[in-house]
Amino acid sequence: MIPFCYVVFTLAVGLAEATSKQPSPAAASLASAARYLTVFSWLTYPFVYMVKSVGLAGPAATMYEQVGYSIADVMAKAVFGVLIWALAAEKSAVEESGKLLPN
């Protein structure tokens, strides 16, 4: 778990820097949401993995494990993808309005 925790920590710190460099408050808010979603979804996987370690067994444990991985995957991929799309759209809108151009 130590390497995994290091990766999650590095993601959180790296995405904090990215959040502070956004061109608008809306973009910063979207980047912050992406940051928290990334950390939350990454931390979901070890807990789902431990489902079979808490006394559950058989088909019920497999079902909980599959549901947990499915929820984590949807958060980590689909929801994150929509957040990135929204962030790109916001940054494009800021760029088109000329706010990124030097004075």
PDB file of N, CA and C in Angstrom:
ATOM      1  N   MET A   1       0.813  -1.206   0.000  1.00  0.00           N
ATOM      2  CA  MET A   1       0.000   0.000   0.000  1.00  0.00           C
ATOM      3  C   MET A   1       0.856   1.270   0.000  1.00  0.00           C
ATOM      4  N   ILE A   2       2.107   1.168   0.438  1.00  0.00           N
ATOM      5  CA  ILE A   2       2.947   2.369   0.495  1.00  0.00           C
ATOM      6  C   ILE A   2       3.146   2.985  -0.891  1.00  0.00           C
ATOM      7  N   PRO A   3       3.504   2.191  -1.926  1.00  0.00           N
ATOM      8  CA  PRO A   3       3.617   2.814  -3.257  1.00  0.00           C
ATOM      9  C   PRO A   3       2.294   3.389  -3.747  1.00  0.00           C
ATOM     10  N   PHE A   4       1.209   2.707  -3.480  1.00  0.00           N
ATOM     11  CA  PHE A   4      -0.109   3.193  -3.894  1.00  0.00           C
ATOM     12  C   PHE A   4      -0.418   4.529  -3.213  1.00  0.00           C
ATOM     13  N   CYS A   5      -0.179   4.602  -1.911  1.00  0.00           N
ATOM     14  CA  CYS A   5      -0.434   5.849  -1.172  1.00  0.00           C
ATOM     15  C   CYS A   5       0.448   6.981  -1.682  1.00  0.00           C
ATOM     16  N   TYR A   6       1.691   6.661  -2.045  1.00  0.00           N
ATOM     17  CA  TYR A   6       2.596   7.669  -2.596  1.00  0.00           C
ATOM     18  C   TYR A   6       2.045   8.217  -3.912  1.00  0.00           C
ATOM     19  N   VAL A   7       1.535   7.337  -4.773  1.00  0.00           N
ATOM     20  CA  VAL A   7       0.974   7.770  -6.054  1.00  0.00           C
ATOM     21  C   VAL A   7      -0.243   8.659  -5.821  1.00  0.00           C
ATOM     22  N   VAL A   8      -1.125   8.266  -4.922  1.00  0.00           N
ATOM     23  CA  VAL A   8      -2.327   9.073  -4.635  1.00  0.00           C
ATOM     24  C   VAL A   8      -1.920  10.432  -4.067  1.00  0.00           C
ATOM     25  N   PHE A   9      -0.970  10.450  -3.165  1.00  0.00           N
ATOM     26  CA  PHE A   9      -0.495  11.713  -2.590  1.00  0.00           C
ATOM     27  C   PHE A   9       0.115  12.604  -3.679  1.00  0.00           C
ATOM     28  N   THR A  10       0.930  12.013  -4.548  1.00  0.00           N
ATOM     29  CA  THR A  10       1.559  12.774  -5.625  1.00  0.00           C
ATOM     30  C   THR A  10       0.505  13.345  -6.573  1.00  0.00           C
ATOM     31  N   LEU A  11      -0.520  12.561  -6.878  1.00  0.00           N
ATOM     32  CA  LEU A  11      -1.626  13.060  -7.705  1.00  0.00           C
ATOM     33  C   LEU A  11      -2.313  14.239  -7.033  1.00  0.00           C
ATOM     34  N   ALA A  12      -2.595  14.119  -5.759  1.00  0.00           N
ATOM     35  CA  ALA A  12      -3.294  15.182  -5.040  1.00  0.00           C
ATOM     36  C   ALA A  12      -2.477  16.466  -5.026  1.00  0.00           C
ATOM     37  N   VAL A  13      -1.188  16.357  -4.776  1.00  0.00           N
ATOM     38  CA  VAL A  13      -0.325  17.540  -4.734  1.00  0.00           C
ATOM     39  C   VAL A  13      -0.160  18.131  -6.129  1.00  0.00           C
ATOM     40  N   GLY A  14       0.070  17.271  -7.125  1.00  0.00           N
ATOM     41  CA  GLY A  14       0.238  17.753  -8.495  1.00  0.00           C
ATOM     42  C   GLY A  14      -1.010  18.429  -9.028  1.00  0.00           C
ATOM     43  N   LEU A  15      -2.161  17.866  -8.711  1.00  0.00           N
ATOM     44  CA  LEU A  15      -3.403  18.476  -9.164  1.00  0.00           C
ATOM     45  C   LEU A  15      -3.727  19.754  -8.392  1.00  0.00           C
ATOM     46  N   ALA A  16      -3.203  19.891  -7.181  1.00  0.00           N
ATOM     47  CA  ALA A  16      -3.386  21.148  -6.439  1.00  0.00           C
ATOM     48  C   ALA A  16      -2.666  22.281  -7.157  1.00  0.00           C
ATOM     49  N   GLU A  17      -1.469  21.998  -7.656  1.00  0.00           N
ATOM     50  CA  GLU A  17      -0.733  23.001  -8.424  1.00  0.00           C
ATOM     51  C   GLU A  17      -1.493  23.375  -9.685  1.00  0.00           C
ATOM     52  N   ALA A  18      -2.034  22.381 -10.372  1.00  0.00           N
ATOM     53  CA  ALA A  18      -2.796  22.638 -11.595  1.00  0.00           C
ATOM     54  C   ALA A  18      -4.034  23.474 -11.301  1.00  0.00           C
ATOM     55  N   THR A  19      -4.665  23.241 -10.168  1.00  0.00           N
ATOM     56  CA  THR A  19      -5.858  24.000  -9.799  1.00  0.00           C
ATOM     57  C   THR A  19      -5.530  25.473  -9.616  1.00  0.00           C
ATOM     58  N   SER A  20      -4.403  25.746  -8.987  1.00  0.00           N
ATOM     59  CA  SER A  20      -4.046  27.137  -8.716  1.00  0.00           C
ATOM     60  C   SER A  20      -3.645  27.908  -9.976  1.00  0.00           C
ATOM     61  N   LYS A  21      -3.361  27.214 -11.068  1.00  0.00           N
ATOM     62  CA  LYS A  21      -2.920  27.861 -12.304  1.00  0.00           C
ATOM     63  C   LYS A  21      -4.034  28.035 -13.333  1.00  0.00           C
ATOM     64  N   GLN A  22      -5.269  27.791 -12.958  1.00  0.00           N
ATOM     65  CA  GLN A  22      -6.378  27.884 -13.906  1.00  0.00           C
ATOM     66  C   GLN A  22      -6.707  29.348 -14.209  1.00  0.00           C
ATOM     67  N   PRO A  23      -7.172  29.629 -15.446  1.00  0.00           N
ATOM     68  CA  PRO A  23      -7.389  31.017 -15.863  1.00  0.00           C
ATOM     69  C   PRO A  23      -8.664  31.668 -15.344  1.00  0.00           C
ATOM     70  N   SER A  24      -9.580  30.889 -14.775  1.00  0.00           N
ATOM     71  CA  SER A  24     -10.818  31.485 -14.278  1.00  0.00           C
ATOM     72  C   SER A  24     -11.282  30.728 -13.038  1.00  0.00           C
ATOM     73  N   PRO A  25     -12.121  31.356 -12.223  1.00  0.00           N
ATOM     74  CA  PRO A  25     -12.648  30.653 -11.044  1.00  0.00           C
ATOM     75  C   PRO A  25     -13.443  29.402 -11.412  1.00  0.00           C
ATOM     76  N   ALA A  26     -14.184  29.442 -12.522  1.00  0.00           N
ATOM     77  CA  ALA A  26     -14.955  28.258 -12.939  1.00  0.00           C
ATOM     78  C   ALA A  26     -14.015  27.122 -13.313  1.00  0.00           C
ATOM     79  N   ALA A  27     -12.933  27.441 -14.022  1.00  0.00           N
ATOM     80  CA  ALA A  27     -11.959  26.420 -14.394  1.00  0.00           C
ATOM     81  C   ALA A  27     -11.268  25.872 -13.147  1.00  0.00           C
ATOM     82  N   ALA A  28     -10.959  26.740 -12.203  1.00  0.00           N
ATOM     83  CA  ALA A  28     -10.336  26.286 -10.958  1.00  0.00           C
ATOM     84  C   ALA A  28     -11.273  25.364 -10.185  1.00  0.00           C
ATOM     85  N   SER A  29     -12.556  25.692 -10.195  1.00  0.00           N
ATOM     86  CA  SER A  29     -13.539  24.846  -9.514  1.00  0.00           C
ATOM     87  C   SER A  29     -13.633  23.471 -10.174  1.00  0.00           C
ATOM     88  N   LEU A  30     -13.641  23.444 -11.499  1.00  0.00           N
ATOM     89  CA  LEU A  30     -13.683  22.163 -12.217  1.00  0.00           C
ATOM     90  C   LEU A  30     -12.408  21.359 -11.983  1.00  0.00           C
ATOM     91  N   ALA A  31     -11.261  22.023 -11.982  1.00  0.00           N
ATOM     92  CA  ALA A  31     -10.001  21.327 -11.730  1.00  0.00           C
ATOM     93  C   ALA A  31      -9.972  20.778 -10.304  1.00  0.00           C
ATOM     94  N   SER A  32     -10.501  21.532  -9.361  1.00  0.00           N
ATOM     95  CA  SER A  32     -10.577  21.066  -7.978  1.00  0.00           C
ATOM     96  C   SER A  32     -11.487  19.844  -7.862  1.00  0.00           C
ATOM     97  N   ALA A  33     -12.622  19.880  -8.550  1.00  0.00           N
ATOM     98  CA  ALA A  33     -13.533  18.722  -8.538  1.00  0.00           C
ATOM     99  C   ALA A  33     -12.858  17.508  -9.140  1.00  0.00           C
ATOM    100  N   ALA A  34     -12.104  17.711 -10.220  1.00  0.00           N
ATOM    101  CA  ALA A  34     -11.371  16.604 -10.842  1.00  0.00           C
ATOM    102  C   ALA A  34     -10.313  16.058  -9.885  1.00  0.00           C
ATOM    103  N   ARG A  35      -9.694  16.942  -9.141  1.00  0.00           N
ATOM    104  CA  ARG A  35      -8.684  16.526  -8.156  1.00  0.00           C
ATOM    105  C   ARG A  35      -9.305  15.626  -7.095  1.00  0.00           C
ATOM    106  N   TYR A  36     -10.405  16.081  -6.505  1.00  0.00           N
ATOM    107  CA  TYR A  36     -11.042  15.286  -5.453  1.00  0.00           C
ATOM    108  C   TYR A  36     -11.626  13.987  -5.997  1.00  0.00           C
ATOM    109  N   LEU A  37     -12.179  14.038  -7.191  1.00  0.00           N
ATOM    110  CA  LEU A  37     -12.708  12.823  -7.803  1.00  0.00           C
ATOM    111  C   LEU A  37     -11.599  11.815  -8.062  1.00  0.00           C
ATOM    112  N   THR A  38     -10.448  12.290  -8.523  1.00  0.00           N
ATOM    113  CA  THR A  38      -9.318  11.399  -8.769  1.00  0.00           C
ATOM    114  C   THR A  38      -8.870  10.714  -7.488  1.00  0.00           C
ATOM    115  N   VAL A  39      -8.684  11.488  -6.451  1.00  0.00           N
ATOM    116  CA  VAL A  39      -8.243  10.915  -5.175  1.00  0.00           C
ATOM    117  C   VAL A  39      -9.291   9.947  -4.630  1.00  0.00           C
ATOM    118  N   PHE A  40     -10.563  10.349  -4.652  1.00  0.00           N
ATOM    119  CA  PHE A  40     -11.622   9.490  -4.138  1.00  0.00           C
ATOM    120  C   PHE A  40     -11.723   8.189  -4.929  1.00  0.00           C
ATOM    121  N   SER A  41     -11.687   8.294  -6.252  1.00  0.00           N
ATOM    122  CA  SER A  41     -11.823   7.076  -7.055  1.00  0.00           C
ATOM    123  C   SER A  41     -10.615   6.161  -6.887  1.00  0.00           C
ATOM    124  N   TRP A  42      -9.438   6.720  -6.785  1.00  0.00           N
ATOM    125  CA  TRP A  42      -8.251   5.881  -6.568  1.00  0.00           C
ATOM    126  C   TRP A  42      -8.318   5.196  -5.210  1.00  0.00           C
ATOM    127  N   LEU A  43      -8.830   5.880  -4.206  1.00  0.00           N
ATOM    128  CA  LEU A  43      -8.910   5.276  -2.874  1.00  0.00           C
ATOM    129  C   LEU A  43     -10.040   4.261  -2.761  1.00  0.00           C
ATOM    130  N   THR A  44     -10.966   4.272  -3.696  1.00  0.00           N
ATOM    131  CA  THR A  44     -12.066   3.310  -3.680  1.00  0.00           C
ATOM    132  C   THR A  44     -11.571   1.901  -3.974  1.00  0.00           C
ATOM    133  N   TYR A  45     -10.627   1.763  -4.888  1.00  0.00           N
ATOM    134  CA  TYR A  45     -10.164   0.442  -5.320  1.00  0.00           C
ATOM    135  C   TYR A  45      -9.629  -0.432  -4.187  1.00  0.00           C
ATOM    136  N   PRO A  46      -8.770   0.063  -3.293  1.00  0.00           N
ATOM    137  CA  PRO A  46      -8.282  -0.828  -2.225  1.00  0.00           C
ATOM    138  C   PRO A  46      -9.400  -1.285  -1.286  1.00  0.00           C
ATOM    139  N   PHE A  47     -10.375  -0.404  -1.045  1.00  0.00           N
ATOM    140  CA  PHE A  47     -11.477  -0.791  -0.155  1.00  0.00           C
ATOM    141  C   PHE A  47     -12.353  -1.864  -0.799  1.00  0.00           C
ATOM    142  N   VAL A  48     -12.581  -1.733  -2.089  1.00  0.00           N
ATOM    143  CA  VAL A  48     -13.352  -2.765  -2.792  1.00  0.00           C
ATOM    144  C   VAL A  48     -12.577  -4.076  -2.788  1.00  0.00           C
ATOM    145  N   TYR A  49     -11.259  -3.985  -2.962  1.00  0.00           N
ATOM    146  CA  TYR A  49     -10.427  -5.184  -2.948  1.00  0.00           C
ATOM    147  C   TYR A  49     -10.539  -5.925  -1.614  1.00  0.00           C
ATOM    148  N   MET A  50     -10.727  -5.178  -0.528  1.00  0.00           N
ATOM    149  CA  MET A  50     -10.777  -5.780   0.804  1.00  0.00           C
ATOM    150  C   MET A  50     -12.142  -6.372   1.160  1.00  0.00           C
ATOM    151  N   VAL A  51     -13.121  -6.300   0.252  1.00  0.00           N
ATOM    152  CA  VAL A  51     -14.458  -6.820   0.541  1.00  0.00           C
ATOM    153  C   VAL A  51     -14.397  -8.272   1.003  1.00  0.00           C
ATOM    154  N   LYS A  52     -13.595  -9.069   0.338  1.00  0.00           N
ATOM    155  CA  LYS A  52     -13.524 -10.488   0.687  1.00  0.00           C
ATOM    156  C   LYS A  52     -12.710 -10.735   1.957  1.00  0.00           C
ATOM    157  N   SER A  53     -12.063  -9.697   2.474  1.00  0.00           N
ATOM    158  CA  SER A  53     -11.267  -9.840   3.685  1.00  0.00           C
ATOM    159  C   SER A  53     -12.069  -9.566   4.955  1.00  0.00           C
ATOM    160  N   VAL A  54     -13.294  -9.118   4.814  1.00  0.00           N
ATOM    161  CA  VAL A  54     -14.083  -8.757   5.994  1.00  0.00           C
ATOM    162  C   VAL A  54     -15.119  -9.821   6.350  1.00  0.00           C
ATOM    163  N   GLY A  55     -14.929 -11.009   5.838  1.00  0.00           N
ATOM    164  CA  GLY A  55     -15.821 -12.100   6.209  1.00  0.00           C
ATOM    165  C   GLY A  55     -16.862 -12.459   5.171  1.00  0.00           C
ATOM    166  N   LEU A  56     -16.993 -11.669   4.138  1.00  0.00           N
ATOM    167  CA  LEU A  56     -17.924 -12.022   3.075  1.00  0.00           C
ATOM    168  C   LEU A  56     -17.299 -13.079   2.184  1.00  0.00           C
ATOM    169  N   ALA A  57     -18.120 -13.980   1.693  1.00  0.00           N
ATOM    170  CA  ALA A  57     -17.618 -15.027   0.817  1.00  0.00           C
ATOM    171  C   ALA A  57     -18.704 -15.419  -0.171  1.00  0.00           C
ATOM    172  N   GLY A  58     -18.302 -16.145  -1.167  1.00  0.00           N
ATOM    173  CA  GLY A  58     -19.246 -16.681  -2.127  1.00  0.00           C
ATOM    174  C   GLY A  58     -19.779 -15.641  -3.092  1.00  0.00           C
ATOM    175  N   PRO A  59     -20.965 -15.919  -3.628  1.00  0.00           N
ATOM    176  CA  PRO A  59     -21.536 -15.028  -4.643  1.00  0.00           C
ATOM    177  C   PRO A  59     -21.806 -13.607  -4.137  1.00  0.00           C
ATOM    178  N   ALA A  60     -22.188 -13.457  -2.887  1.00  0.00           N
ATOM    179  CA  ALA A  60     -22.465 -12.115  -2.351  1.00  0.00           C
ATOM    180  C   ALA A  60     -21.199 -11.266  -2.361  1.00  0.00           C
ATOM    181  N   ALA A  61     -20.083 -11.839  -1.941  1.00  0.00           N
ATOM    182  CA  ALA A  61     -18.819 -11.091  -1.932  1.00  0.00           C
ATOM    183  C   ALA A  61     -18.416 -10.700  -3.346  1.00  0.00           C
ATOM    184  N   THR A  62     -18.590 -11.635  -4.280  1.00  0.00           N
ATOM    185  CA  THR A  62     -18.243 -11.343  -5.674  1.00  0.00           C
ATOM    186  C   THR A  62     -19.141 -10.241  -6.225  1.00  0.00           C
ATOM    187  N   MET A  63     -20.423 -10.283  -5.878  1.00  0.00           N
ATOM    188  CA  MET A  63     -21.352  -9.250  -6.339  1.00  0.00           C
ATOM    189  C   MET A  63     -20.947  -7.880  -5.789  1.00  0.00           C
ATOM    190  N   TYR A  64     -20.673  -7.792  -4.477  1.00  0.00           N
ATOM    191  CA  TYR A  64     -20.264  -6.514  -3.886  1.00  0.00           C
ATOM    192  C   TYR A  64     -18.971  -6.006  -4.512  1.00  0.00           C
ATOM    193  N   GLU A  65     -18.065  -6.921  -4.756  1.00  0.00           N
ATOM    194  CA  GLU A  65     -16.792  -6.553  -5.378  1.00  0.00           C
ATOM    195  C   GLU A  65     -17.021  -5.999  -6.788  1.00  0.00           C
ATOM    196  N   GLN A  66     -17.831  -6.670  -7.584  1.00  0.00           N
ATOM    197  CA  GLN A  66     -18.081  -6.216  -8.950  1.00  0.00           C
ATOM    198  C   GLN A  66     -18.838  -4.889  -8.978  1.00  0.00           C
ATOM    199  N   VAL A  67     -19.812  -4.732  -8.092  1.00  0.00           N
ATOM    200  CA  VAL A  67     -20.545  -3.463  -8.017  1.00  0.00           C
ATOM    201  C   VAL A  67     -19.597  -2.340  -7.591  1.00  0.00           C
ATOM    202  N   GLY A  68     -18.767  -2.620  -6.608  1.00  0.00           N
ATOM    203  CA  GLY A  68     -17.803  -1.609  -6.152  1.00  0.00           C
ATOM    204  C   GLY A  68     -16.833  -1.201  -7.234  1.00  0.00           C
ATOM    205  N   TYR A  69     -16.272  -2.184  -7.958  1.00  0.00           N
ATOM    206  CA  TYR A  69     -15.360  -1.858  -9.051  1.00  0.00           C
ATOM    207  C   TYR A  69     -16.073  -1.112 -10.170  1.00  0.00           C
ATOM    208  N   SER A  70     -17.321  -1.471 -10.435  1.00  0.00           N
ATOM    209  CA  SER A  70     -18.069  -0.786 -11.489  1.00  0.00           C
ATOM    210  C   SER A  70     -18.305   0.674 -11.124  1.00  0.00           C
ATOM    211  N   ILE A  71     -18.697   0.930  -9.888  1.00  0.00           N
ATOM    212  CA  ILE A  71     -18.906   2.311  -9.437  1.00  0.00           C
ATOM    213  C   ILE A  71     -17.595   3.093  -9.493  1.00  0.00           C
ATOM    214  N   ALA A  72     -16.523   2.478  -9.019  1.00  0.00           N
ATOM    215  CA  ALA A  72     -15.214   3.143  -9.048  1.00  0.00           C
ATOM    216  C   ALA A  72     -14.784   3.434 -10.486  1.00  0.00           C
ATOM    217  N   ASP A  73     -15.012   2.488 -11.391  1.00  0.00           N
ATOM    218  CA  ASP A  73     -14.629   2.692 -12.787  1.00  0.00           C
ATOM    219  C   ASP A  73     -15.444   3.795 -13.449  1.00  0.00           C
ATOM    220  N   VAL A  74     -16.735   3.855 -13.164  1.00  0.00           N
ATOM    221  CA  VAL A  74     -17.564   4.911 -13.741  1.00  0.00           C
ATOM    222  C   VAL A  74     -17.094   6.275 -13.231  1.00  0.00           C
ATOM    223  N   MET A  75     -16.798   6.356 -11.935  1.00  0.00           N
ATOM    224  CA  MET A  75     -16.291   7.626 -11.383  1.00  0.00           C
ATOM    225  C   MET A  75     -14.946   7.979 -12.003  1.00  0.00           C
ATOM    226  N   ALA A  76     -14.050   6.998 -12.079  1.00  0.00           N
ATOM    227  CA  ALA A  76     -12.691   7.265 -12.516  1.00  0.00           C
ATOM    228  C   ALA A  76     -12.597   7.534 -14.013  1.00  0.00           C
ATOM    229  N   LYS A  77     -13.539   7.038 -14.771  1.00  0.00           N
ATOM    230  CA  LYS A  77     -13.420   7.195 -16.217  1.00  0.00           C
ATOM    231  C   LYS A  77     -14.502   8.095 -16.799  1.00  0.00           C
ATOM    232  N   ALA A  78     -15.752   7.729 -16.638  1.00  0.00           N
ATOM    233  CA  ALA A  78     -16.831   8.493 -17.265  1.00  0.00           C
ATOM    234  C   ALA A  78     -17.002   9.875 -16.633  1.00  0.00           C
ATOM    235  N   VAL A  79     -17.138   9.930 -15.327  1.00  0.00           N
ATOM    236  CA  VAL A  79     -17.346  11.227 -14.658  1.00  0.00           C
ATOM    237  C   VAL A  79     -16.104  12.095 -14.813  1.00  0.00           C
ATOM    238  N   PHE A  80     -14.935  11.514 -14.672  1.00  0.00           N
ATOM    239  CA  PHE A  80     -13.696  12.274 -14.844  1.00  0.00           C
ATOM    240  C   PHE A  80     -13.598  12.810 -16.272  1.00  0.00           C
ATOM    241  N   GLY A  81     -13.988  11.998 -17.249  1.00  0.00           N
ATOM    242  CA  GLY A  81     -13.970  12.438 -18.639  1.00  0.00           C
ATOM    243  C   GLY A  81     -14.878  13.636 -18.869  1.00  0.00           C
ATOM    244  N   VAL A  82     -16.057  13.620 -18.280  1.00  0.00           N
ATOM    245  CA  VAL A  82     -16.986  14.753 -18.406  1.00  0.00           C
ATOM    246  C   VAL A  82     -16.396  15.991 -17.732  1.00  0.00           C
ATOM    247  N   LEU A  83     -15.770  15.813 -16.578  1.00  0.00           N
ATOM    248  CA  LEU A  83     -15.132  16.955 -15.904  1.00  0.00           C
ATOM    249  C   LEU A  83     -14.018  17.554 -16.768  1.00  0.00           C
ATOM    250  N   ILE A  84     -13.210  16.700 -17.373  1.00  0.00           N
ATOM    251  CA  ILE A  84     -12.118  17.190 -18.228  1.00  0.00           C
ATOM    252  C   ILE A  84     -12.680  17.919 -19.446  1.00  0.00           C
ATOM    253  N   TRP A  85     -13.767  17.365 -20.024  1.00  0.00           N
ATOM    254  CA  TRP A  85     -14.409  18.037 -21.154  1.00  0.00           C
ATOM    255  C   TRP A  85     -14.910  19.421 -20.727  1.00  0.00           C
ATOM    256  N   ALA A  86     -15.582  19.502 -19.581  1.00  0.00           N
ATOM    257  CA  ALA A  86     -16.100  20.784 -19.096  1.00  0.00           C
ATOM    258  C   ALA A  86     -14.963  21.764 -18.817  1.00  0.00           C
ATOM    259  N   LEU A  87     -13.858  21.271 -18.270  1.00  0.00           N
ATOM    260  CA  LEU A  87     -12.700  22.123 -18.011  1.00  0.00           C
ATOM    261  C   LEU A  87     -12.113  22.645 -19.319  1.00  0.00           C
ATOM    262  N   ALA A  88     -11.994  21.783 -20.309  1.00  0.00           N
ATOM    263  CA  ALA A  88     -11.482  22.216 -21.615  1.00  0.00           C
ATOM    264  C   ALA A  88     -12.416  23.237 -22.257  1.00  0.00           C
ATOM    265  N   ALA A  89     -13.721  23.025 -22.143  1.00  0.00           N
ATOM    266  CA  ALA A  89     -14.686  23.976 -22.707  1.00  0.00           C
ATOM    267  C   ALA A  89     -14.578  25.330 -22.007  1.00  0.00           C
ATOM    268  N   GLU A  90     -14.439  25.329 -20.693  1.00  0.00           N
ATOM    269  CA  GLU A  90     -14.298  26.577 -19.942  1.00  0.00           C
ATOM    270  C   GLU A  90     -13.015  27.308 -20.333  1.00  0.00           C
ATOM    271  N   LYS A  91     -11.917  26.578 -20.448  1.00  0.00           N
ATOM    272  CA  LYS A  91     -10.658  27.216 -20.824  1.00  0.00           C
ATOM    273  C   LYS A  91     -10.715  27.749 -22.248  1.00  0.00           C
ATOM    274  N   SER A  92     -11.414  27.044 -23.126  1.00  0.00           N
ATOM    275  CA  SER A  92     -11.583  27.528 -24.497  1.00  0.00           C
ATOM    276  C   SER A  92     -12.410  28.813 -24.508  1.00  0.00           C
ATOM    277  N   ALA A  93     -13.454  28.859 -23.688  1.00  0.00           N
ATOM    278  CA  ALA A  93     -14.285  30.066 -23.605  1.00  0.00           C
ATOM    279  C   ALA A  93     -13.473  31.251 -23.089  1.00  0.00           C
ATOM    280  N   VAL A  94     -12.630  31.008 -22.098  1.00  0.00           N
ATOM    281  CA  VAL A  94     -11.773  32.083 -21.568  1.00  0.00           C
ATOM    282  C   VAL A  94     -10.801  32.553 -22.645  1.00  0.00           C
ATOM    283  N   GLU A  95     -10.225  31.600 -23.368  1.00  0.00           N
ATOM    284  CA  GLU A  95      -9.283  31.952 -24.430  1.00  0.00           C
ATOM    285  C   GLU A  95      -9.971  32.746 -25.544  1.00  0.00           C
ATOM    286  N   GLU A  96     -11.170  32.327 -25.918  1.00  0.00           N
ATOM    287  CA  GLU A  96     -11.910  33.026 -26.977  1.00  0.00           C
ATOM    288  C   GLU A  96     -12.321  34.424 -26.561  1.00  0.00           C
ATOM    289  N   SER A  97     -12.530  34.628 -25.281  1.00  0.00           N
ATOM    290  CA  SER A  97     -12.921  35.967 -24.820  1.00  0.00           C
ATOM    291  C   SER A  97     -11.729  36.921 -24.753  1.00  0.00           C
ATOM    292  N   GLY A  98     -10.542  36.403 -24.965  1.00  0.00           N
ATOM    293  CA  GLY A  98      -9.346  37.230 -24.983  1.00  0.00           C
ATOM    294  C   GLY A  98      -8.721  37.483 -23.640  1.00  0.00           C
ATOM    295  N   LYS A  99      -9.211  36.835 -22.594  1.00  0.00           N
ATOM    296  CA  LYS A  99      -8.676  37.070 -21.248  1.00  0.00           C
ATOM    297  C   LYS A  99      -7.313  36.435 -21.032  1.00  0.00           C
ATOM    298  N   LEU A 100      -6.910  35.522 -21.908  1.00  0.00           N
ATOM    299  CA  LEU A 100      -5.593  34.900 -21.759  1.00  0.00           C
ATOM    300  C   LEU A 100      -4.510  35.672 -22.499  1.00  0.00           C
ATOM    301  N   LEU A 101      -4.915  36.660 -23.321  1.00  0.00           N
ATOM    302  CA  LEU A 101      -3.942  37.416 -24.079  1.00  0.00           C
ATOM    303  C   LEU A 101      -3.272  38.453 -23.193  1.00  0.00           C
ATOM    304  N   PRO A 102      -1.965  38.710 -23.415  1.00  0.00           N
ATOM    305  CA  PRO A 102      -1.281  39.713 -22.588  1.00  0.00           C
ATOM    306  C   PRO A 102      -1.802  41.118 -22.919  1.00  0.00           C
ATOM    307  N   ASN A 103      -1.784  41.985 -21.916  1.00  0.00           N
ATOM    308  CA  ASN A 103      -2.278  43.366 -22.103  1.00  0.00           C
ATOM    309  C   ASN A 103      -1.275  44.214 -22.803  1.00  0.00           C
TER     310      ASN A 103
END
